[in-house]
Amino acid sequence: MSIVFNKEQIDEVAEELRKGKVIAFPTDTVYGLGVHYFDEKALERLKNTKGRPENKPIPTMVANLEQLAAVAEITPAIEKIVAAFLPGALTLVMKKKANVPSYATNGLDTIGVRMPDDPFVLSLIEKSGGPMFVTSANRSGEPTGTTFEEVMAQLDGRMDGIVKGTCGCLNASTIIDVTGDQIKVLREGPISKEDIEKALQ
């Protein structure tokens, strides 16, 4: 059985994350499944919880611009996007900083980073010593969990704990690649390509 927490127990949840535990929690989009950053064993446990090693890297979730700048290279265009949309339902694929270990990005020189528009999650990242590796809370190949009940049905007993709560827009974030001269939309989500282009004008 996975331990069930409420949001008032945020300090306990943060402590579990610091211990390398795999915890699910509601975000501004869907339920996330996360572990503390720069902990290779915790990252492996996260992948195993989902049912198979992920082919693609697990995204990084940050609480502020300082954490973002610590893991990724920030350009003037990225600064505009950050100012317009973050915190928000947007994942940026950026060039990673040299100090980020290869296991964090599956050996790639890019890193996917998100800053969620959710006060609880931002506080949890800060309290756990952030950033965090966070992926969608579901078994691989199964529907993404958007409610406490859906996540429990798929992951109870596989994850260490879950925070009870309600998700935001119920759609996964928009993903954009900002590593080149032109921004590429890799996944459509709540923030449209038109919105992003306007912010860059």
Protein backbone atom coordinates (compact mmCIF):
# COMPACT_ATOMS: atom_id res chain seq x y z
CA MET A 1 0.00 0.00 0.00
CA SER A 2 1.23 3.46 -0.89
CA ILE A 3 1.13 6.07 1.90
CA VAL A 4 -1.59 8.70 1.35
CA PHE A 5 -0.69 12.28 2.31
CA ASN A 6 -2.73 15.47 2.27
CA LYS A 7 -1.29 18.82 1.20
CA GLU A 8 -0.93 19.98 4.82
CA GLN A 9 1.72 17.26 5.26
CA ILE A 10 4.04 18.91 2.74
CA ASP A 11 7.04 18.79 5.10
CA GLU A 12 6.62 15.02 5.50
CA VAL A 13 6.29 14.59 1.73
CA ALA A 14 9.46 16.65 1.15
CA GLU A 15 11.31 14.49 3.69
CA GLU A 16 10.22 11.31 1.85
CA LEU A 17 11.52 12.78 -1.41
CA ARG A 18 14.86 13.60 0.19
CA LYS A 19 15.06 9.94 1.23
CA GLY A 20 14.77 8.84 -2.41
CA LYS A 21 11.09 7.87 -2.30
CA VAL A 22 8.77 7.93 -5.35
CA ILE A 23 5.78 10.22 -4.71
CA ALA A 24 2.74 11.12 -6.83
CA PHE A 25 1.12 14.55 -6.49
CA PRO A 26 -1.41 16.74 -8.33
CA THR A 27 -0.02 19.53 -10.52
CA ASP A 28 -1.42 22.36 -12.62
CA THR A 29 -1.84 19.87 -15.48
CA VAL A 30 -2.10 16.16 -14.57
CA TYR A 31 -0.89 14.01 -11.65
CA GLY A 32 2.92 13.88 -11.54
CA LEU A 33 5.18 11.11 -10.29
CA GLY A 34 8.43 12.47 -8.95
CA VAL A 35 11.72 11.92 -7.14
CA HIS A 36 14.47 14.15 -5.83
CA TYR A 37 17.00 15.42 -8.37
CA PHE A 38 20.62 14.25 -8.83
CA ASP A 39 19.71 10.88 -7.24
CA GLU A 40 20.39 8.17 -9.81
CA LYS A 41 18.93 5.36 -7.70
CA ALA A 42 15.71 7.32 -7.13
CA LEU A 43 15.46 7.98 -10.87
CA GLU A 44 15.77 4.23 -11.56
CA ARG A 45 13.04 3.55 -9.00
CA LEU A 46 10.84 6.14 -10.71
CA LYS A 47 11.28 4.42 -14.07
CA ASN A 48 10.60 1.01 -12.53
CA THR A 49 7.44 2.33 -10.88
CA LYS A 50 6.09 3.20 -14.31
CA GLY A 51 6.65 -0.39 -15.42
CA ARG A 52 9.64 -0.18 -17.75
CA PRO A 53 12.70 2.00 -18.27
CA GLU A 54 11.72 5.09 -20.21
CA ASN A 55 13.25 5.46 -23.68
CA LYS A 56 13.09 9.22 -23.31
CA PRO A 57 14.50 11.21 -20.40
CA ILE A 58 12.28 12.09 -17.43
CA PRO A 59 11.56 15.85 -17.44
CA THR A 60 13.02 18.13 -14.77
CA MET A 61 10.67 20.26 -12.67
CA VAL A 62 11.99 23.49 -11.12
CA ALA A 63 10.54 25.99 -8.67
CA ASN A 64 12.18 29.19 -9.90
CA LEU A 65 14.44 30.82 -12.48
CA GLU A 66 17.54 30.16 -10.35
CA GLN A 67 16.93 26.39 -10.48
CA LEU A 68 16.21 26.60 -14.21
CA ALA A 69 19.49 28.43 -14.84
CA ALA A 70 21.34 25.80 -12.76
CA VAL A 71 20.40 22.96 -15.13
CA ALA A 72 19.96 24.63 -18.55
CA GLU A 73 21.41 27.33 -20.79
CA ILE A 74 19.15 30.40 -20.94
CA THR A 75 19.11 32.56 -24.09
CA PRO A 76 17.36 35.94 -24.61
CA ALA A 77 14.49 34.16 -26.45
CA ILE A 78 14.08 31.74 -23.55
CA GLU A 79 14.00 34.68 -21.12
CA LYS A 80 11.04 36.11 -23.05
CA ILE A 81 9.22 32.77 -22.98
CA VAL A 82 9.89 32.33 -19.27
CA ALA A 83 8.60 35.85 -18.54
CA ALA A 84 5.42 35.22 -20.55
CA PHE A 85 4.45 31.68 -19.57
CA LEU A 86 6.26 30.40 -16.49
CA PRO A 87 5.14 29.19 -14.08
CA GLY A 88 2.75 27.44 -16.47
CA ALA A 89 1.81 24.41 -18.56
CA LEU A 90 4.90 24.58 -20.76
CA THR A 91 7.90 22.25 -20.98
CA LEU A 92 11.06 23.67 -22.56
CA VAL A 93 13.60 21.40 -24.24
CA MET A 94 16.85 23.30 -23.69
CA LYS A 95 20.60 22.77 -23.86
CA LYS A 96 21.71 21.29 -20.55
CA LYS A 97 24.44 22.71 -18.34
CA ALA A 98 27.70 20.75 -18.24
CA ASN A 99 27.22 19.93 -14.55
CA VAL A 100 24.03 17.94 -15.22
CA PRO A 101 24.95 14.22 -15.14
CA SER A 102 24.37 12.16 -18.29
CA TYR A 103 21.98 9.76 -16.52
CA ALA A 104 19.60 12.71 -15.97
CA THR A 105 19.12 13.16 -19.72
CA ASN A 106 19.73 9.63 -21.04
CA GLY A 107 23.06 10.87 -22.40
CA LEU A 108 21.49 13.70 -24.44
CA ASP A 109 22.90 17.22 -24.41
CA THR A 110 19.36 18.60 -24.04
CA ILE A 111 17.06 18.69 -21.02
CA GLY A 112 13.30 19.09 -20.71
CA VAL A 113 12.36 21.55 -17.95
CA ARG A 114 9.03 22.68 -16.52
CA MET A 115 8.01 25.20 -13.85
CA PRO A 116 4.45 24.31 -12.79
CA ASP A 117 1.82 26.94 -12.00
CA ASP A 118 0.89 25.31 -8.71
CA PRO A 119 1.85 26.81 -5.32
CA PHE A 120 1.90 23.41 -3.59
CA VAL A 121 4.23 21.83 -6.15
CA LEU A 122 6.54 24.86 -6.26
CA SER A 123 6.77 24.77 -2.46
CA LEU A 124 7.34 20.99 -2.48
CA ILE A 125 10.25 21.38 -4.93
CA GLU A 126 11.78 24.08 -2.71
CA LYS A 127 11.29 22.12 0.54
CA SER A 128 12.72 18.91 -0.94
CA GLY A 129 15.86 20.76 -2.04
CA GLY A 130 14.76 20.74 -5.71
CA PRO A 131 14.77 20.42 -8.65
CA MET A 132 12.88 17.14 -9.18
CA PHE A 133 12.51 14.49 -11.87
CA VAL A 134 8.77 14.40 -12.63
CA THR A 135 6.83 12.34 -15.17
CA SER A 136 3.13 11.61 -15.61
CA ALA A 137 1.64 9.34 -12.92
CA ASN A 138 0.67 6.21 -14.83
CA ARG A 139 1.94 2.81 -15.88
CA SER A 140 3.72 2.94 -19.24
CA GLY A 141 1.20 2.53 -22.06
CA GLU A 142 -1.78 3.33 -19.79
CA PRO A 143 -3.82 6.57 -19.66
CA THR A 144 -2.27 9.46 -17.74
CA GLY A 145 -3.69 9.76 -14.23
CA THR A 146 -5.66 12.97 -13.69
CA THR A 147 -7.36 12.05 -10.39
CA PHE A 148 -6.28 10.48 -7.09
CA GLU A 149 -8.44 7.43 -7.85
CA GLU A 150 -6.97 6.90 -11.33
CA VAL A 151 -3.40 7.06 -10.02
CA MET A 152 -4.14 4.71 -7.12
CA ALA A 153 -5.77 2.21 -9.49
CA GLN A 154 -2.58 2.02 -11.56
CA LEU A 155 0.22 2.62 -9.05
CA ASP A 156 -0.93 1.75 -5.52
CA GLY A 157 1.82 -0.36 -3.97
CA ARG A 158 4.29 0.50 -6.74
CA MET A 159 4.87 4.13 -5.67
CA ASP A 160 5.88 4.96 -2.10
CA GLY A 161 3.26 7.64 -1.53
CA ILE A 162 0.65 9.93 -3.06
CA VAL A 163 -0.64 13.40 -2.18
CA LYS A 164 -4.41 13.66 -2.37
CA GLY A 165 -5.67 16.64 -4.35
CA THR A 166 -7.11 17.99 -7.59
CA CYS A 167 -5.22 18.66 -10.82
CA GLY A 168 -5.44 21.83 -12.86
CA CYS A 169 -6.32 21.79 -16.55
CA LEU A 170 -6.18 17.96 -16.93
CA ASN A 171 -4.14 18.31 -20.13
CA ALA A 172 -0.42 17.59 -20.34
CA SER A 173 1.84 20.60 -20.91
CA THR A 174 2.84 22.02 -24.27
CA ILE A 175 6.40 20.93 -25.14
CA ILE A 176 8.65 23.17 -27.23
CA ASP A 177 12.24 22.74 -28.41
CA VAL A 178 14.16 25.98 -27.95
CA THR A 179 17.64 24.65 -28.76
CA GLY A 180 17.71 25.93 -32.35
CA ASP A 181 17.08 29.20 -34.17
CA GLN A 182 13.43 28.27 -34.71
CA ILE A 183 11.16 27.08 -31.92
CA LYS A 184 9.60 23.67 -32.60
CA VAL A 185 6.37 22.53 -30.97
CA LEU A 186 6.87 18.87 -29.99
CA ARG A 187 3.50 18.43 -28.28
CA GLU A 188 0.43 20.66 -28.43
CA GLY A 189 -1.03 21.55 -25.05
CA PRO A 190 -2.74 24.40 -23.20
CA ILE A 191 -0.27 27.00 -24.58
CA SER A 192 -0.47 27.36 -28.37
CA LYS A 193 2.31 27.98 -30.89
CA GLU A 194 0.63 31.31 -31.73
CA ASP A 195 0.81 32.38 -28.07
CA ILE A 196 4.53 31.58 -28.00
CA GLU A 197 5.23 33.40 -31.27
CA LYS A 198 3.43 36.51 -29.97
CA ALA A 199 5.58 36.51 -26.83
CA LEU A 200 8.74 36.49 -28.95
CA GLN A 201 7.78 39.50 -31.07
